[in-house]
């Protein structure tokens, strides 16, 4: 590993270590958000641009370094900025942070992974090059895998950055709006589980399946064509 990669790795590990050492997660709770909501709204009323910039910077850092707290930050966006602007700020920041995590993982680890498992991953990379947007939308809409894990895993493939950013941005809008909108009605939330109903999660799963249909259809058609040629 060269010096540049080593330095980036050290920054990542140091940031994550400081987050847990300083116990910064104690500020990312429903109780803290509820207790400080009025002060945050007052500050936003007098310093709107600065408040938005600081919020987005925190969200980008949280996502880029795969730190806990994304749900609380989305709720905070709704509590302070309202459902529509809050969704815009939260989704944009999350997408930028995800892109940074994607790029760092790709820069640090992809060559090593491809060197060792390149032949095994060739079929996956070819499929992602053609229909990566469908798979990514499915993964973003259906909460099967953690958000941060998708960022890291995608960085190890040959998925294009533009496809990753577009799939992430549009794929997280529905879920982002649900959490941000819940934050706008913060008084009705006593725990994180209250912020998304089973019905909403089911709707996301259905949207995810629709996003996956073109890829599944192409896969089935290809297999039928190959079988017919034999």
C-alpha atoms as a PDB file:
ATOM      1  CA  UNK A   1       0.000   0.000   0.000  1.00  0.00           C
ATOM      2  CA  UNK A   2       1.503   3.371  -1.048  1.00  0.00           C
ATOM      3  CA  UNK A   3       1.796   6.433   1.185  1.00  0.00           C
ATOM      4  CA  UNK A   4      -1.325   8.147  -0.150  1.00  0.00           C
ATOM      5  CA  UNK A   5      -3.493   5.110   0.467  1.00  0.00           C
ATOM      6  CA  UNK A   6      -1.980   4.612   3.906  1.00  0.00           C
ATOM      7  CA  UNK A   7      -2.662   8.238   4.837  1.00  0.00           C
ATOM      8  CA  UNK A   8      -6.296   8.011   3.711  1.00  0.00           C
ATOM      9  CA  UNK A   9      -6.742   4.773   5.638  1.00  0.00           C
ATOM     10  CA  UNK A  10      -5.290   6.379   8.765  1.00  0.00           C
ATOM     11  CA  UNK A  11      -7.649   9.369   8.447  1.00  0.00           C
ATOM     12  CA  UNK A  12     -10.631   7.028   8.120  1.00  0.00           C
ATOM     13  CA  UNK A  13      -9.608   4.914  11.111  1.00  0.00           C
ATOM     14  CA  UNK A  14      -8.753   7.976  13.215  1.00  0.00           C
ATOM     15  CA  UNK A  15     -12.105   9.630  12.486  1.00  0.00           C
ATOM     16  CA  UNK A  16     -14.061   6.497  13.344  1.00  0.00           C
ATOM     17  CA  UNK A  17     -11.951   5.961  16.464  1.00  0.00           C
ATOM     18  CA  UNK A  18     -12.485   9.536  17.680  1.00  0.00           C
ATOM     19  CA  UNK A  19     -16.223   9.275  17.129  1.00  0.00           C
ATOM     20  CA  UNK A  20     -16.474   6.306  19.468  1.00  0.00           C
ATOM     21  CA  UNK A  21     -13.768   7.483  21.898  1.00  0.00           C
ATOM     22  CA  UNK A  22     -15.518  10.836  22.417  1.00  0.00           C
ATOM     23  CA  UNK A  23     -18.884   9.071  22.520  1.00  0.00           C
ATOM     24  CA  UNK A  24     -20.356  11.512  19.997  1.00  0.00           C
ATOM     25  CA  UNK A  25     -23.197   9.085  19.420  1.00  0.00           C
ATOM     26  CA  UNK A  26     -24.768  10.296  22.675  1.00  0.00           C
ATOM     27  CA  UNK A  27     -25.841  13.456  20.839  1.00  0.00           C
ATOM     28  CA  UNK A  28     -27.583  11.463  18.099  1.00  0.00           C
ATOM     29  CA  UNK A  29     -30.642  10.330  20.024  1.00  0.00           C
ATOM     30  CA  UNK A  30     -34.361  11.051  19.972  1.00  0.00           C
ATOM     31  CA  UNK A  31     -34.090  12.521  23.463  1.00  0.00           C
ATOM     32  CA  UNK A  32     -31.334  14.964  22.498  1.00  0.00           C
ATOM     33  CA  UNK A  33     -33.135  16.014  19.334  1.00  0.00           C
ATOM     34  CA  UNK A  34     -36.399  16.599  21.183  1.00  0.00           C
ATOM     35  CA  UNK A  35     -34.651  18.558  23.943  1.00  0.00           C
ATOM     36  CA  UNK A  36     -32.762  20.824  21.520  1.00  0.00           C
ATOM     37  CA  UNK A  37     -35.295  21.190  18.732  1.00  0.00           C
ATOM     38  CA  UNK A  38     -36.455  24.681  19.747  1.00  0.00           C
ATOM     39  CA  UNK A  39     -32.902  26.030  19.995  1.00  0.00           C
ATOM     40  CA  UNK A  40     -32.019  24.521  16.605  1.00  0.00           C
ATOM     41  CA  UNK A  41     -35.087  26.103  14.999  1.00  0.00           C
ATOM     42  CA  UNK A  42     -34.240  29.482  16.527  1.00  0.00           C
ATOM     43  CA  UNK A  43     -30.687  29.299  15.253  1.00  0.00           C
ATOM     44  CA  UNK A  44     -31.924  28.317  11.804  1.00  0.00           C
ATOM     45  CA  UNK A  45     -34.261  31.313  11.753  1.00  0.00           C
ATOM     46  CA  UNK A  46     -31.308  33.654  12.245  1.00  0.00           C
ATOM     47  CA  UNK A  47     -28.543  31.779  10.414  1.00  0.00           C
ATOM     48  CA  UNK A  48     -30.249  29.728   7.707  1.00  0.00           C
ATOM     49  CA  UNK A  49     -27.314  29.302   5.299  1.00  0.00           C
ATOM     50  CA  UNK A  50     -24.823  28.424   8.030  1.00  0.00           C
ATOM     51  CA  UNK A  51     -27.252  25.985   9.637  1.00  0.00           C
ATOM     52  CA  UNK A  52     -27.875  24.163   6.357  1.00  0.00           C
ATOM     53  CA  UNK A  53     -24.134  24.045   5.569  1.00  0.00           C
ATOM     54  CA  UNK A  54     -23.232  22.650   8.998  1.00  0.00           C
ATOM     55  CA  UNK A  55     -26.050  20.098   8.900  1.00  0.00           C
ATOM     56  CA  UNK A  56     -25.061  18.850   5.453  1.00  0.00           C
ATOM     57  CA  UNK A  57     -21.384  18.708   6.410  1.00  0.00           C
ATOM     58  CA  UNK A  58     -22.213  16.583   9.469  1.00  0.00           C
ATOM     59  CA  UNK A  59     -24.445  14.287   7.393  1.00  0.00           C
ATOM     60  CA  UNK A  60     -21.787  13.921   4.683  1.00  0.00           C
ATOM     61  CA  UNK A  61     -19.114  13.041   7.254  1.00  0.00           C
ATOM     62  CA  UNK A  62     -21.434  10.572   9.006  1.00  0.00           C
ATOM     63  CA  UNK A  63     -22.199   8.798   5.729  1.00  0.00           C
ATOM     64  CA  UNK A  64     -18.702   8.953   4.252  1.00  0.00           C
ATOM     65  CA  UNK A  65     -17.171   7.336   7.338  1.00  0.00           C
ATOM     66  CA  UNK A  66     -20.061   4.875   7.842  1.00  0.00           C
ATOM     67  CA  UNK A  67     -20.805   6.206  11.319  1.00  0.00           C
ATOM     68  CA  UNK A  68     -24.090   5.592  13.163  1.00  0.00           C
ATOM     69  CA  UNK A  69     -26.756   8.288  13.316  1.00  0.00           C
ATOM     70  CA  UNK A  70     -28.239   8.617   9.812  1.00  0.00           C
ATOM     71  CA  UNK A  71     -31.817   8.112  10.999  1.00  0.00           C
ATOM     72  CA  UNK A  72     -31.500  10.758  13.707  1.00  0.00           C
ATOM     73  CA  UNK A  73     -29.997  13.202  11.226  1.00  0.00           C
ATOM     74  CA  UNK A  74     -32.912  12.617   8.842  1.00  0.00           C
ATOM     75  CA  UNK A  75     -35.359  13.209  11.677  1.00  0.00           C
ATOM     76  CA  UNK A  76     -33.447  16.357  12.604  1.00  0.00           C
ATOM     77  CA  UNK A  77     -33.730  17.602   9.017  1.00  0.00           C
ATOM     78  CA  UNK A  78     -37.511  17.368   9.250  1.00  0.00           C
ATOM     79  CA  UNK A  79     -37.642  18.882  12.731  1.00  0.00           C
ATOM     80  CA  UNK A  80     -35.567  21.919  11.746  1.00  0.00           C
ATOM     81  CA  UNK A  81     -36.071  22.480   8.004  1.00  0.00           C
ATOM     82  CA  UNK A  82     -39.493  20.932   7.407  1.00  0.00           C
ATOM     83  CA  UNK A  83     -40.367  17.891   5.265  1.00  0.00           C
ATOM     84  CA  UNK A  84     -39.579  19.232   1.784  1.00  0.00           C
ATOM     85  CA  UNK A  85     -36.376  21.192   2.288  1.00  0.00           C
ATOM     86  CA  UNK A  86     -35.318  18.665   4.926  1.00  0.00           C
ATOM     87  CA  UNK A  87     -35.632  15.835   2.413  1.00  0.00           C
ATOM     88  CA  UNK A  88     -33.637  17.779  -0.178  1.00  0.00           C
ATOM     89  CA  UNK A  89     -30.808  18.522   2.255  1.00  0.00           C
ATOM     90  CA  UNK A  90     -30.722  15.046   3.799  1.00  0.00           C
ATOM     91  CA  UNK A  91     -30.874  13.121   0.509  1.00  0.00           C
ATOM     92  CA  UNK A  92     -28.274  15.351  -1.137  1.00  0.00           C
ATOM     93  CA  UNK A  93     -25.877  15.070   1.806  1.00  0.00           C
ATOM     94  CA  UNK A  94     -26.379  11.314   2.100  1.00  0.00           C
ATOM     95  CA  UNK A  95     -25.698  10.882  -1.621  1.00  0.00           C
ATOM     96  CA  UNK A  96     -22.491  12.939  -1.445  1.00  0.00           C
ATOM     97  CA  UNK A  97     -21.323  11.013   1.623  1.00  0.00           C
ATOM     98  CA  UNK A  98     -22.136   7.698  -0.036  1.00  0.00           C
ATOM     99  CA  UNK A  99     -20.182   8.734  -3.144  1.00  0.00           C
ATOM    100  CA  UNK A 100     -17.157   9.580  -0.970  1.00  0.00           C
ATOM    101  CA  UNK A 101     -17.350   6.206   0.791  1.00  0.00           C
ATOM    102  CA  UNK A 102     -17.662   4.534  -2.621  1.00  0.00           C
ATOM    103  CA  UNK A 103     -14.596   6.357  -3.981  1.00  0.00           C
ATOM    104  CA  UNK A 104     -12.435   5.760  -0.919  1.00  0.00           C
ATOM    105  CA  UNK A 105     -13.245   2.057  -0.930  1.00  0.00           C
ATOM    106  CA  UNK A 106     -12.556   1.851  -4.647  1.00  0.00           C
ATOM    107  CA  UNK A 107      -9.234   3.666  -4.313  1.00  0.00           C
ATOM    108  CA  UNK A 108      -8.037   1.669  -1.327  1.00  0.00           C
ATOM    109  CA  UNK A 109      -9.292  -1.837  -1.987  1.00  0.00           C
ATOM    110  CA  UNK A 110     -10.704  -2.486  -5.469  1.00  0.00           C
ATOM    111  CA  UNK A 111      -7.400  -3.333  -7.160  1.00  0.00           C
ATOM    112  CA  UNK A 112      -6.563  -5.775  -4.380  1.00  0.00           C
ATOM    113  CA  UNK A 113      -9.988  -7.442  -4.592  1.00  0.00           C
ATOM    114  CA  UNK A 114      -9.939  -7.659  -8.385  1.00  0.00           C
ATOM    115  CA  UNK A 115      -6.421  -9.050  -8.359  1.00  0.00           C
ATOM    116  CA  UNK A 116      -7.475 -11.831  -6.033  1.00  0.00           C
ATOM    117  CA  UNK A 117     -11.058 -12.473  -7.119  1.00  0.00           C
ATOM    118  CA  UNK A 118     -11.177 -10.815 -10.545  1.00  0.00           C
ATOM    119  CA  UNK A 119     -12.184 -13.879 -12.526  1.00  0.00           C
ATOM    120  CA  UNK A 120     -14.924 -14.750 -10.043  1.00  0.00           C
ATOM    121  CA  UNK A 121     -16.340 -11.223 -10.168  1.00  0.00           C
ATOM    122  CA  UNK A 122     -16.196 -10.792 -13.940  1.00  0.00           C
ATOM    123  CA  UNK A 123     -19.798 -11.903 -14.500  1.00  0.00           C
ATOM    124  CA  UNK A 124     -21.065  -9.618 -11.737  1.00  0.00           C
ATOM    125  CA  UNK A 125     -19.123  -6.653 -13.122  1.00  0.00           C
ATOM    126  CA  UNK A 126     -20.473  -7.221 -16.630  1.00  0.00           C
ATOM    127  CA  UNK A 127     -24.038  -7.375 -15.288  1.00  0.00           C
ATOM    128  CA  UNK A 128     -23.527  -4.204 -13.239  1.00  0.00           C
ATOM    129  CA  UNK A 129     -22.105  -2.379 -16.232  1.00  0.00           C
ATOM    130  CA  UNK A 130     -25.332  -3.041 -18.154  1.00  0.00           C
ATOM    131  CA  UNK A 131     -28.065  -3.004 -15.499  1.00  0.00           C
ATOM    132  CA  UNK A 132     -26.353  -1.594 -12.424  1.00  0.00           C
ATOM    133  CA  UNK A 133     -28.950   1.139 -11.961  1.00  0.00           C
ATOM    134  CA  UNK A 134     -31.741  -1.445 -11.544  1.00  0.00           C
ATOM    135  CA  UNK A 135     -29.871  -3.443  -8.919  1.00  0.00           C
ATOM    136  CA  UNK A 136     -28.812  -0.327  -7.047  1.00  0.00           C
ATOM    137  CA  UNK A 137     -32.352   1.097  -6.966  1.00  0.00           C
ATOM    138  CA  UNK A 138     -33.583  -2.234  -5.618  1.00  0.00           C
ATOM    139  CA  UNK A 139     -30.950  -2.269  -2.866  1.00  0.00           C
ATOM    140  CA  UNK A 140     -31.643   1.360  -1.931  1.00  0.00           C
ATOM    141  CA  UNK A 141     -35.416   0.950  -1.840  1.00  0.00           C
ATOM    142  CA  UNK A 142     -35.540  -2.411  -0.071  1.00  0.00           C
ATOM    143  CA  UNK A 143     -33.786  -2.256   3.324  1.00  0.00           C
ATOM    144  CA  UNK A 144     -32.214  -5.719   3.116  1.00  0.00           C
ATOM    145  CA  UNK A 145     -28.620  -4.569   3.518  1.00  0.00           C
ATOM    146  CA  UNK A 146     -27.328  -1.629   5.584  1.00  0.00           C
ATOM    147  CA  UNK A 147     -26.822   1.618   3.676  1.00  0.00           C
ATOM    148  CA  UNK A 148     -23.097   1.812   4.452  1.00  0.00           C
ATOM    149  CA  UNK A 149     -22.482  -1.788   3.363  1.00  0.00           C
ATOM    150  CA  UNK A 150     -23.904  -1.078  -0.100  1.00  0.00           C
ATOM    151  CA  UNK A 151     -21.574   1.941  -0.419  1.00  0.00           C
ATOM    152  CA  UNK A 152     -18.522  -0.143   0.434  1.00  0.00           C
ATOM    153  CA  UNK A 153     -19.482  -3.190  -1.630  1.00  0.00           C
ATOM    154  CA  UNK A 154     -20.306  -1.094  -4.710  1.00  0.00           C
ATOM    155  CA  UNK A 155     -16.872   0.513  -4.529  1.00  0.00           C
ATOM    156  CA  UNK A 156     -15.270  -2.907  -5.001  1.00  0.00           C
ATOM    157  CA  UNK A 157     -17.040  -3.450  -8.331  1.00  0.00           C
ATOM    158  CA  UNK A 158     -16.751  -1.744 -11.717  1.00  0.00           C
ATOM    159  CA  UNK A 159     -20.052   0.075 -11.239  1.00  0.00           C
ATOM    160  CA  UNK A 160     -19.743   3.572 -12.718  1.00  0.00           C
ATOM    161  CA  UNK A 161     -19.686   6.471 -10.260  1.00  0.00           C
ATOM    162  CA  UNK A 162     -22.423   8.289 -12.200  1.00  0.00           C
ATOM    163  CA  UNK A 163     -24.675   5.221 -11.966  1.00  0.00           C
ATOM    164  CA  UNK A 164     -23.958   4.893  -8.261  1.00  0.00           C
ATOM    165  CA  UNK A 165     -24.755   8.547  -7.545  1.00  0.00           C
ATOM    166  CA  UNK A 166     -27.969   8.587  -9.585  1.00  0.00           C
ATOM    167  CA  UNK A 167     -29.184   5.257  -8.189  1.00  0.00           C
ATOM    168  CA  UNK A 168     -28.396   6.353  -4.646  1.00  0.00           C
ATOM    169  CA  UNK A 169     -29.995   9.796  -4.931  1.00  0.00           C
ATOM    170  CA  UNK A 170     -33.264   8.655  -6.473  1.00  0.00           C
ATOM    171  CA  UNK A 171     -33.333   5.371  -4.568  1.00  0.00           C
ATOM    172  CA  UNK A 172     -33.210   6.993  -1.134  1.00  0.00           C
ATOM    173  CA  UNK A 173     -35.749   9.755  -1.779  1.00  0.00           C
ATOM    174  CA  UNK A 174     -38.821   7.707  -0.686  1.00  0.00           C
ATOM    175  CA  UNK A 175     -37.235   6.420   2.513  1.00  0.00           C
ATOM    176  CA  UNK A 176     -35.602   9.774   3.185  1.00  0.00           C
ATOM    177  CA  UNK A 177     -38.916  11.577   2.919  1.00  0.00           C
ATOM    178  CA  UNK A 178     -40.590   9.165   5.334  1.00  0.00           C
ATOM    179  CA  UNK A 179     -37.967   9.752   8.033  1.00  0.00           C
ATOM    180  CA  UNK A 180     -37.704  13.495   7.433  1.00  0.00           C
ATOM    181  CA  UNK A 181     -41.486  13.861   7.454  1.00  0.00           C
ATOM    182  CA  UNK A 182     -41.582  11.899  10.706  1.00  0.00           C
ATOM    183  CA  UNK A 183     -39.064  14.351  12.140  1.00  0.00           C
ATOM    184  CA  UNK A 184     -41.379  17.217  11.245  1.00  0.00           C
ATOM    185  CA  UNK A 185     -43.863  15.615  13.679  1.00  0.00           C
ATOM    186  CA  UNK A 186     -41.237  14.857  16.295  1.00  0.00           C
ATOM    187  CA  UNK A 187     -43.650  14.958  19.221  1.00  0.00           C
ATOM    188  CA  UNK A 188     -45.326  11.797  17.910  1.00  0.00           C
ATOM    189  CA  UNK A 189     -42.079   9.794  17.949  1.00  0.00           C
ATOM    190  CA  UNK A 190     -40.813   8.084  21.074  1.00  0.00           C
ATOM    191  CA  UNK A 191     -38.349   5.676  19.404  1.00  0.00           C
ATOM    192  CA  UNK A 192     -36.695   5.145  16.018  1.00  0.00           C
ATOM    193  CA  UNK A 193     -39.093   2.307  15.239  1.00  0.00           C
ATOM    194  CA  UNK A 194     -41.973   4.814  15.234  1.00  0.00           C
ATOM    195  CA  UNK A 195     -40.522   6.767  12.315  1.00  0.00           C
ATOM    196  CA  UNK A 196     -41.327   4.222   9.580  1.00  0.00           C
ATOM    197  CA  UNK A 197     -44.463   2.097   9.535  1.00  0.00           C
ATOM    198  CA  UNK A 198     -44.590  -1.489   8.225  1.00  0.00           C
ATOM    199  CA  UNK A 199     -46.880  -0.243   5.455  1.00  0.00           C
ATOM    200  CA  UNK A 200     -44.251   2.270   4.302  1.00  0.00           C
ATOM    201  CA  UNK A 201     -41.531  -0.386   4.366  1.00  0.00           C
ATOM    202  CA  UNK A 202     -43.766  -2.681   2.345  1.00  0.00           C
ATOM    203  CA  UNK A 203     -44.298   0.079  -0.217  1.00  0.00           C
ATOM    204  CA  UNK A 204     -40.527   0.529  -0.524  1.00  0.00           C
ATOM    205  CA  UNK A 205     -40.130  -3.210  -1.093  1.00  0.00           C
ATOM    206  CA  UNK A 206     -42.732  -3.074  -3.867  1.00  0.00           C
ATOM    207  CA  UNK A 207     -40.968  -0.130  -5.527  1.00  0.00           C
ATOM    208  CA  UNK A 208     -37.703  -2.019  -5.267  1.00  0.00           C
ATOM    209  CA  UNK A 209     -39.183  -5.046  -6.999  1.00  0.00           C
ATOM    210  CA  UNK A 210     -40.471  -2.844  -9.826  1.00  0.00           C
ATOM    211  CA  UNK A 211     -36.974  -1.400 -10.220  1.00  0.00           C
ATOM    212  CA  UNK A 212     -35.578  -4.936 -10.448  1.00  0.00           C
ATOM    213  CA  UNK A 213     -38.055  -6.199 -13.063  1.00  0.00           C
ATOM    214  CA  UNK A 214     -36.051  -5.020 -16.143  1.00  0.00           C
ATOM    215  CA  UNK A 215     -32.911  -6.784 -14.899  1.00  0.00           C
ATOM    216  CA  UNK A 216     -34.820  -9.988 -14.087  1.00  0.00           C
ATOM    217  CA  UNK A 217     -36.569  -9.925 -17.465  1.00  0.00           C
ATOM    218  CA  UNK A 218     -33.275  -9.469 -19.307  1.00  0.00           C
ATOM    219  CA  UNK A 219     -31.700 -12.286 -17.296  1.00  0.00           C
ATOM    220  CA  UNK A 220     -34.546 -14.703 -18.043  1.00  0.00           C
ATOM    221  CA  UNK A 221     -34.585 -13.727 -21.735  1.00  0.00           C
ATOM    222  CA  UNK A 222     -30.829 -14.273 -22.013  1.00  0.00           C
ATOM    223  CA  UNK A 223     -31.095 -17.727 -20.452  1.00  0.00           C
ATOM    224  CA  UNK A 224     -33.951 -18.703 -22.759  1.00  0.00           C
ATOM    225  CA  UNK A 225     -32.005 -17.514 -25.807  1.00  0.00           C
ATOM    226  CA  UNK A 226     -28.918 -19.443 -24.717  1.00  0.00           C
ATOM    227  CA  UNK A 227     -30.970 -22.593 -24.126  1.00  0.00           C
ATOM    228  CA  UNK A 228     -32.644 -22.234 -27.543  1.00  0.00           C
ATOM    229  CA  UNK A 229     -29.275 -21.868 -29.285  1.00  0.00           C
ATOM    230  CA  UNK A 230     -28.146 -25.135 -27.729  1.00  0.00           C
END
